[in-house]
Amino acid sequence: MHSIKIICLLLLFCSIKCFAQQPMITILDSGHKTSLRGLSVVDDKVIWASGSNGTVARSLNGGKTFEWLTVKGYENRDFRDIEAFDANTAIIMGIAEPAVILKTKDGGKTWKEVFRNTAKGMFLDAMDFKNAKHGVVIGDPLTNQPYIAYTDDGGERWQIPAGSAKSMLPVLDSGEAFFASSGTNITEVKDVFTSPGSCLIVSGGMSAKLYGLGSFKIKLPLVQGRSSTGANSVAAYPTPGGFNGVVVGGDFSHDQIIDSNCVLFRMDKRGQQLTFPQTPPHGYRSCVAYLTKDKLITCGTSGIDISNDGGMNWQLVSRQSFHVCQKAKKGVAVFLAGANGKIAKLQAQ
């Protein structure tokens, strides 16, 4: 009888421990008339988000409270991406006709327009910054190449590739473009193939591909062939001599379908390897982020998944809808953002 009691207590302890370790999603704020797709987490305290209706949100206390503001003169703009450098400095990207990029240095009190393109069909999709100086923005093709602009001074000025640099940009298939779903279809990595640095970008629509700008392109085995299909987000993690990565997407018009919505890749000097996960994310996913070398989070309109084995197997942790998820650049906190101004935090990691 005594041994039975001990076994029961051990089982109870193990179940409590396992339950306590299950990830939980805690809503921090919601109910605002904006769809948030831009998210930048500076550290465990400083969080910036951006979205439709000219909206920017900022927290300086880890999400306990948020300051919500509407950028004056841009009240009808959709800011699909944001890059924040500290509590006062951030850059936001307004997507379309005219495409604009704004910068603040005073916590959002004032904004300076640092980029504007009025070309017909202009549509920016995402930004990524390697550091506080060097960044890149990508947009849908105006001809048959991606629209690319670079900055080397923290976003004060932007340059468009010309001459030989422009000729290195890939030629896209008809109906191939990029999704402005989370600001994460581009990421800067160390290019072990050709140069000290490069960008990975992923495309969707009629074709889905992974590009290393100036070095390679790979056709992705994701669902594709319709305007709502393809890759939405890419994340990479450096390893000795190369990097591992994950691409997520699917079909946002059928967001419960799990087939061909995720692919893992490994790249080094020996070559390139693509792998399907054994257990894929549970539906369309618009964003993926590394939390550690082995742990990742991905989210979309049909839910949130966590992987603890480098993306090979995904566990559904919530059916709540989010557009974007990000880990603190300097810290461990993980936040998510989505429709109706919803911002949440991943707990019990």
Protein backbone atom coordinates (compact mmCIF):
# COMPACT_ATOMS: atom_id res chain seq x y z
CA MET A 1 0.00 0.00 0.00
CA HIS A 2 2.84 2.36 0.89
CA SER A 3 4.57 1.74 -2.46
CA ILE A 4 1.29 2.40 -4.31
CA LYS A 5 0.98 5.78 -2.60
CA ILE A 6 4.54 6.66 -3.58
CA ILE A 7 3.88 5.73 -7.22
CA CYS A 8 0.70 7.80 -7.26
CA LEU A 9 2.52 10.78 -5.81
CA LEU A 10 5.29 10.44 -8.39
CA LEU A 11 2.76 10.28 -11.20
CA LEU A 12 0.97 13.34 -9.82
CA PHE A 13 4.25 15.23 -9.54
CA CYS A 14 5.23 14.36 -13.12
CA SER A 15 1.83 15.41 -14.46
CA ILE A 16 2.00 18.74 -12.61
CA LYS A 17 5.52 19.34 -13.88
CA CYS A 18 4.58 18.55 -17.48
CA PHE A 19 1.52 20.77 -17.25
CA ALA A 20 3.58 23.63 -15.83
CA GLN A 21 6.00 23.35 -18.75
CA GLN A 22 3.28 23.58 -21.40
CA PRO A 23 3.52 26.88 -23.28
CA MET A 24 0.70 29.31 -22.57
CA ILE A 25 -0.43 32.37 -24.51
CA THR A 26 -1.32 35.37 -22.33
CA ILE A 27 -3.20 38.24 -23.97
CA LEU A 28 -1.66 41.57 -22.96
CA ASP A 29 -3.81 44.00 -24.96
CA SER A 30 -6.58 43.86 -27.58
CA GLY A 31 -9.69 45.59 -28.91
CA HIS A 32 -8.03 48.25 -31.07
CA LYS A 33 -9.12 49.09 -34.62
CA THR A 34 -5.96 47.87 -36.27
CA SER A 35 -4.50 44.70 -37.70
CA LEU A 36 -0.96 44.33 -36.38
CA ARG A 37 1.54 42.65 -38.71
CA GLY A 38 4.72 44.49 -37.71
CA LEU A 39 6.44 43.48 -34.47
CA SER A 40 9.93 44.28 -33.13
CA VAL A 41 11.07 43.24 -29.66
CA VAL A 42 14.22 45.09 -28.61
CA ASP A 43 14.62 43.36 -25.25
CA ASP A 44 12.43 41.86 -22.55
CA LYS A 45 10.99 45.30 -21.77
CA VAL A 46 10.84 47.27 -25.03
CA ILE A 47 8.24 46.17 -27.60
CA TRP A 48 7.05 47.96 -30.73
CA ALA A 49 4.22 46.94 -33.06
CA SER A 50 2.68 48.48 -36.18
CA GLY A 51 -0.41 47.96 -38.29
CA SER A 52 -3.30 49.35 -40.26
CA ASN A 53 -5.00 52.73 -39.74
CA GLY A 54 -1.62 54.38 -39.17
CA THR A 55 -1.20 52.61 -35.83
CA VAL A 56 1.93 52.08 -33.76
CA ALA A 57 2.06 50.55 -30.27
CA ARG A 58 4.93 50.70 -27.80
CA SER A 59 5.60 49.18 -24.39
CA LEU A 60 8.52 49.94 -22.10
CA ASN A 61 7.59 47.50 -19.32
CA GLY A 62 7.42 44.12 -21.00
CA GLY A 63 3.84 44.47 -22.16
CA LYS A 64 2.22 45.42 -18.85
CA THR A 65 0.98 48.59 -20.54
CA PHE A 66 1.07 49.85 -24.12
CA GLU A 67 1.07 53.34 -25.56
CA TRP A 68 -1.07 53.46 -28.71
CA LEU A 69 -0.57 56.21 -31.27
CA THR A 70 -1.70 57.15 -34.76
CA VAL A 71 1.01 58.60 -36.98
CA LYS A 72 -0.12 62.10 -37.92
CA GLY A 73 -0.67 62.55 -41.64
CA TYR A 74 -0.63 58.79 -42.23
CA GLU A 75 -3.89 57.83 -40.54
CA ASN A 76 -5.03 55.64 -43.46
CA ARG A 77 -1.73 53.88 -44.04
CA ASP A 78 -1.00 50.23 -43.36
CA PHE A 79 2.36 49.84 -41.63
CA ARG A 80 3.06 46.15 -42.25
CA ASP A 81 6.55 46.08 -40.74
CA ILE A 82 8.54 47.81 -38.02
CA GLU A 83 12.17 47.68 -36.91
CA ALA A 84 12.97 49.09 -33.48
CA PHE A 85 16.46 49.77 -32.16
CA ASP A 86 15.72 51.05 -28.65
CA ALA A 87 12.97 52.66 -26.61
CA ASN A 88 13.00 55.80 -28.78
CA THR A 89 14.17 54.79 -32.25
CA ALA A 90 12.11 52.82 -34.75
CA ILE A 91 11.37 52.56 -38.47
CA ILE A 92 7.97 51.72 -39.95
CA MET A 93 7.10 50.60 -43.49
CA GLY A 94 3.93 51.72 -45.27
CA ILE A 95 3.17 49.24 -48.02
CA ALA A 96 1.61 50.79 -51.10
CA GLU A 97 1.11 53.66 -53.57
CA PRO A 98 2.96 55.56 -52.46
CA ALA A 99 5.20 53.23 -50.51
CA VAL A 100 6.79 55.07 -47.59
CA ILE A 101 9.23 54.46 -44.77
CA LEU A 102 9.19 56.65 -41.64
CA LYS A 103 11.62 56.97 -38.74
CA THR A 104 11.20 58.24 -35.20
CA LYS A 105 13.92 59.14 -32.72
CA ASP A 106 11.67 60.36 -29.91
CA GLY A 107 9.52 57.37 -29.06
CA GLY A 108 6.90 58.03 -31.74
CA LYS A 109 6.13 61.64 -30.91
CA THR A 110 7.36 62.75 -34.34
CA TRP A 111 8.12 60.85 -37.53
CA LYS A 112 10.36 61.73 -40.48
CA GLU A 113 9.63 60.35 -43.94
CA VAL A 114 12.91 58.80 -45.10
CA PHE A 115 11.66 56.96 -48.21
CA ARG A 116 8.87 57.44 -50.75
CA ASN A 117 8.14 55.72 -54.07
CA THR A 118 5.07 56.71 -56.07
CA ALA A 119 5.49 54.21 -58.92
CA LYS A 120 2.31 52.50 -60.07
CA GLY A 121 2.04 49.03 -58.56
CA MET A 122 4.56 49.81 -55.82
CA PHE A 123 4.07 47.52 -52.81
CA LEU A 124 6.60 46.94 -50.03
CA ASP A 125 6.48 43.63 -48.18
CA ALA A 126 9.12 43.44 -45.46
CA MET A 127 12.26 44.90 -43.90
CA ASP A 128 15.21 43.40 -42.10
CA PHE A 129 18.15 45.04 -40.35
CA LYS A 130 21.45 43.29 -39.67
CA ASN A 131 22.31 45.98 -37.13
CA ALA A 132 21.42 49.58 -36.32
CA LYS A 133 23.02 50.78 -39.56
CA HIS A 134 22.51 48.24 -42.31
CA GLY A 135 19.03 47.25 -43.49
CA VAL A 136 17.12 46.12 -46.55
CA VAL A 137 13.52 46.39 -47.71
CA ILE A 138 11.86 44.16 -50.31
CA GLY A 139 8.81 44.79 -52.47
CA ASP A 140 6.78 43.10 -55.17
CA PRO A 141 8.29 43.20 -58.66
CA LEU A 142 7.59 46.25 -60.80
CA THR A 143 9.08 44.42 -63.80
CA ASN A 144 10.25 40.83 -63.35
CA GLN A 145 12.70 41.37 -60.47
CA PRO A 146 12.10 41.99 -56.77
CA TYR A 147 12.10 45.62 -55.69
CA ILE A 148 15.05 46.04 -53.32
CA ALA A 149 16.36 49.08 -51.44
CA TYR A 150 19.26 49.25 -48.99
CA THR A 151 20.35 51.57 -46.19
CA ASP A 152 23.75 51.86 -44.51
CA ASP A 153 22.94 54.73 -42.17
CA GLY A 154 20.13 53.42 -40.00
CA GLY A 155 17.37 54.13 -42.50
CA GLU A 156 18.08 57.82 -43.05
CA ARG A 157 18.70 57.23 -46.77
CA TRP A 158 17.78 54.32 -49.06
CA GLN A 159 19.49 53.24 -52.26
CA ILE A 160 18.24 51.06 -55.12
CA PRO A 161 20.69 48.56 -56.69
CA ALA A 162 21.89 49.60 -60.13
CA GLY A 163 24.15 48.19 -62.84
CA SER A 164 25.82 44.91 -61.93
CA ALA A 165 24.14 44.83 -58.51
CA LYS A 166 20.70 45.00 -60.12
CA SER A 167 21.64 42.30 -62.62
CA MET A 168 22.29 39.93 -59.70
CA LEU A 169 18.67 40.14 -58.55
CA PRO A 170 16.63 37.05 -59.47
CA VAL A 171 14.10 36.99 -62.28
CA LEU A 172 10.69 35.94 -60.94
CA ASP A 173 8.14 33.72 -62.62
CA SER A 174 4.85 35.16 -63.81
CA GLY A 175 2.53 35.44 -60.81
CA GLU A 176 5.38 35.06 -58.31
CA ALA A 177 5.65 37.75 -55.63
CA PHE A 178 5.98 38.24 -51.88
CA PHE A 179 3.56 38.33 -48.95
CA ALA A 180 3.41 41.28 -46.56
CA SER A 181 1.91 39.04 -43.89
CA SER A 182 4.42 39.47 -41.04
CA GLY A 183 7.46 41.37 -42.26
CA THR A 184 9.50 38.16 -42.17
CA ASN A 185 9.86 36.90 -45.74
CA ILE A 186 13.39 38.32 -45.74
CA THR A 187 16.28 37.78 -43.33
CA GLU A 188 19.95 38.68 -43.45
CA VAL A 189 22.44 35.86 -42.92
CA LYS A 190 26.12 35.14 -43.35
CA ASP A 191 26.48 33.80 -46.89
CA VAL A 192 28.89 30.88 -46.75
CA PHE A 193 28.82 30.56 -50.53
CA THR A 194 29.85 33.87 -52.07
CA SER A 195 30.26 36.80 -49.71
CA PRO A 196 30.37 37.96 -46.06
CA GLY A 197 26.65 38.74 -46.05
CA SER A 198 23.48 38.06 -47.97
CA CYS A 199 19.70 38.04 -47.74
CA LEU A 200 17.40 35.07 -47.79
CA ILE A 201 13.97 35.81 -49.26
CA VAL A 202 11.00 33.54 -49.88
CA SER A 203 8.26 33.99 -52.46
CA GLY A 204 4.73 32.78 -53.07
CA GLY A 205 1.83 32.90 -55.46
CA MET A 206 2.16 30.86 -58.64
CA SER A 207 5.69 29.84 -57.58
CA ALA A 208 7.34 29.41 -54.19
CA LYS A 209 11.10 29.78 -53.96
CA LEU A 210 13.93 30.42 -51.53
CA TYR A 211 16.49 32.93 -52.80
CA GLY A 212 19.94 33.81 -51.58
CA LEU A 213 20.34 37.18 -53.25
CA GLY A 214 23.25 37.03 -55.63
CA SER A 215 24.01 33.38 -54.99
CA PHE A 216 21.23 30.79 -55.37
CA LYS A 217 17.56 30.00 -55.82
CA ILE A 218 15.68 26.87 -54.76
CA LYS A 219 12.17 25.85 -55.74
CA LEU A 220 10.33 25.06 -52.51
CA PRO A 221 8.10 21.99 -52.15
CA LEU A 222 5.29 24.06 -50.64
CA VAL A 223 1.69 24.42 -51.81
CA GLN A 224 1.70 26.92 -54.69
CA GLY A 225 -0.07 27.79 -57.92
CA ARG A 226 -2.64 30.26 -56.54
CA SER A 227 -2.37 33.86 -55.38
CA SER A 228 -3.04 32.78 -51.78
CA THR A 229 -0.37 30.07 -51.63
CA GLY A 230 3.34 29.76 -51.07
CA ALA A 231 5.98 30.83 -48.58
CA ASN A 232 5.27 33.61 -46.07
CA SER A 233 8.18 33.61 -43.64
CA VAL A 234 11.79 32.45 -43.34
CA ALA A 235 14.05 32.14 -40.30
CA ALA A 236 17.68 31.05 -40.17
CA TYR A 237 20.04 30.01 -37.38
CA PRO A 238 23.84 30.06 -37.84
CA THR A 239 25.82 26.86 -37.44
CA PRO A 240 29.54 26.11 -37.95
CA GLY A 241 30.15 26.59 -41.66
CA GLY A 242 26.58 27.42 -42.61
CA PHE A 243 23.07 27.76 -41.27
CA ASN A 244 19.83 25.89 -40.65
CA GLY A 245 16.49 27.39 -41.55
CA VAL A 246 12.73 27.03 -41.67
CA VAL A 247 10.20 28.32 -44.18
CA VAL A 248 6.47 28.39 -43.40
CA GLY A 249 3.41 29.31 -45.41
CA GLY A 250 0.55 27.36 -46.94
CA ASP A 251 -2.73 28.69 -48.28
CA PHE A 252 -4.14 31.62 -46.30
CA SER A 253 -7.53 31.20 -47.97
CA HIS A 254 -7.71 27.65 -46.55
CA ASP A 255 -5.82 28.12 -43.32
CA GLN A 256 -6.66 24.75 -41.72
CA ILE A 257 -4.82 22.71 -44.35
CA ILE A 258 -1.52 21.29 -43.07
CA ASP A 259 -0.14 19.79 -46.30
CA SER A 260 3.06 21.35 -47.70
CA ASN A 261 3.07 24.32 -45.33
CA CYS A 262 6.60 24.00 -43.94
CA VAL A 263 10.06 23.01 -45.13
CA LEU A 264 13.38 22.81 -43.27
CA PHE A 265 16.70 23.57 -44.93
CA ARG A 266 20.36 23.14 -44.19
CA MET A 267 23.03 25.07 -46.12
CA ASP A 268 26.80 24.93 -45.98
CA LYS A 269 29.75 24.66 -48.38
CA ARG A 270 28.89 21.04 -49.04
CA GLY A 271 25.53 21.96 -50.52
CA GLN A 272 21.85 22.47 -49.78
CA GLN A 273 19.38 20.08 -48.21
CA LEU A 274 15.59 20.40 -47.92
CA THR A 275 13.51 18.32 -45.53
CA PHE A 276 9.82 18.11 -44.72
CA PRO A 277 8.98 18.02 -41.00
CA GLN A 278 7.65 14.75 -39.64
CA THR A 279 4.80 16.60 -37.91
CA PRO A 280 4.06 19.88 -39.71
CA PRO A 281 2.46 22.98 -38.21
CA HIS A 282 -1.29 22.64 -37.87
CA GLY A 283 -2.39 24.95 -40.66
CA TYR A 284 -1.32 28.00 -42.64
CA ARG A 285 1.45 29.94 -40.89
CA SER A 286 2.51 33.52 -41.63
CA CYS A 287 5.55 33.81 -39.33
CA VAL A 288 8.29 31.63 -37.86
CA ALA A 289 11.07 32.51 -35.41
CA TYR A 290 13.92 30.71 -33.68
CA LEU A 291 13.88 30.91 -29.88
CA THR A 292 17.00 28.74 -29.46
CA LYS A 293 18.99 26.50 -31.78
CA ASP A 294 16.34 23.79 -31.42
CA LYS A 295 13.21 25.62 -30.29
CA LEU A 296 10.97 27.55 -32.67
CA ILE A 297 7.56 29.20 -32.72
CA THR A 298 5.27 29.69 -35.70
CA CYS A 299 1.88 31.39 -35.90
CA GLY A 300 -0.93 32.14 -38.32
CA THR A 301 -4.63 32.76 -38.52
CA SER A 302 -5.41 29.16 -37.51
CA GLY A 303 -3.13 28.87 -34.50
CA ILE A 304 0.30 28.70 -32.88
CA ASP A 305 2.80 25.81 -32.92
CA ILE A 306 6.02 25.15 -31.02
CA SER A 307 8.88 22.88 -32.06
CA ASN A 308 11.54 21.61 -29.67
CA ASP A 309 13.59 19.68 -32.21
CA GLY A 310 14.63 22.21 -34.82
CA GLY A 311 11.32 22.19 -36.68
CA MET A 312 11.03 18.46 -37.29
CA ASN A 313 7.92 18.10 -35.12
CA TRP A 314 5.39 20.82 -34.26
CA GLN A 315 2.97 20.86 -31.33
CA LEU A 316 -0.19 22.94 -31.54
CA VAL A 317 -0.36 25.08 -28.40
CA SER A 318 -3.24 27.41 -29.29
CA ARG A 319 -5.95 27.92 -31.91
CA GLN A 320 -5.78 31.68 -31.40
CA SER A 321 -5.11 33.76 -34.51
CA PHE A 322 -1.93 35.82 -34.80
CA HIS A 323 -0.01 37.29 -37.73
CA VAL A 324 3.48 37.68 -36.30
CA CYS A 325 5.69 36.35 -33.50
CA GLN A 326 9.11 37.58 -32.38
CA LYS A 327 11.70 36.85 -29.70
CA ALA A 328 13.56 39.67 -27.98
CA LYS A 329 16.79 40.54 -29.79
CA LYS A 330 18.48 40.97 -26.42
CA GLY A 331 16.56 38.72 -24.05
CA VAL A 332 14.29 35.70 -23.91
CA ALA A 333 10.75 37.13 -24.00
CA VAL A 334 8.50 36.10 -26.89
CA PHE A 335 5.54 38.17 -28.09
CA LEU A 336 2.83 37.83 -30.75
CA ALA A 337 0.53 40.30 -32.51
CA GLY A 338 -2.53 40.07 -34.73
CA ALA A 339 -5.94 41.39 -35.70
CA ASN A 340 -7.97 43.80 -33.56
CA GLY A 341 -4.81 45.13 -31.95
CA LYS A 342 -4.18 41.87 -30.14
CA ILE A 343 -0.77 41.50 -28.49
CA ALA A 344 0.20 38.45 -26.45
CA LYS A 345 3.14 36.87 -24.66
CA LEU A 346 4.36 33.29 -24.70
CA GLN A 347 4.54 32.06 -21.11
CA ALA A 348 6.12 29.03 -19.42
CA GLN A 349 8.69 28.35 -22.10
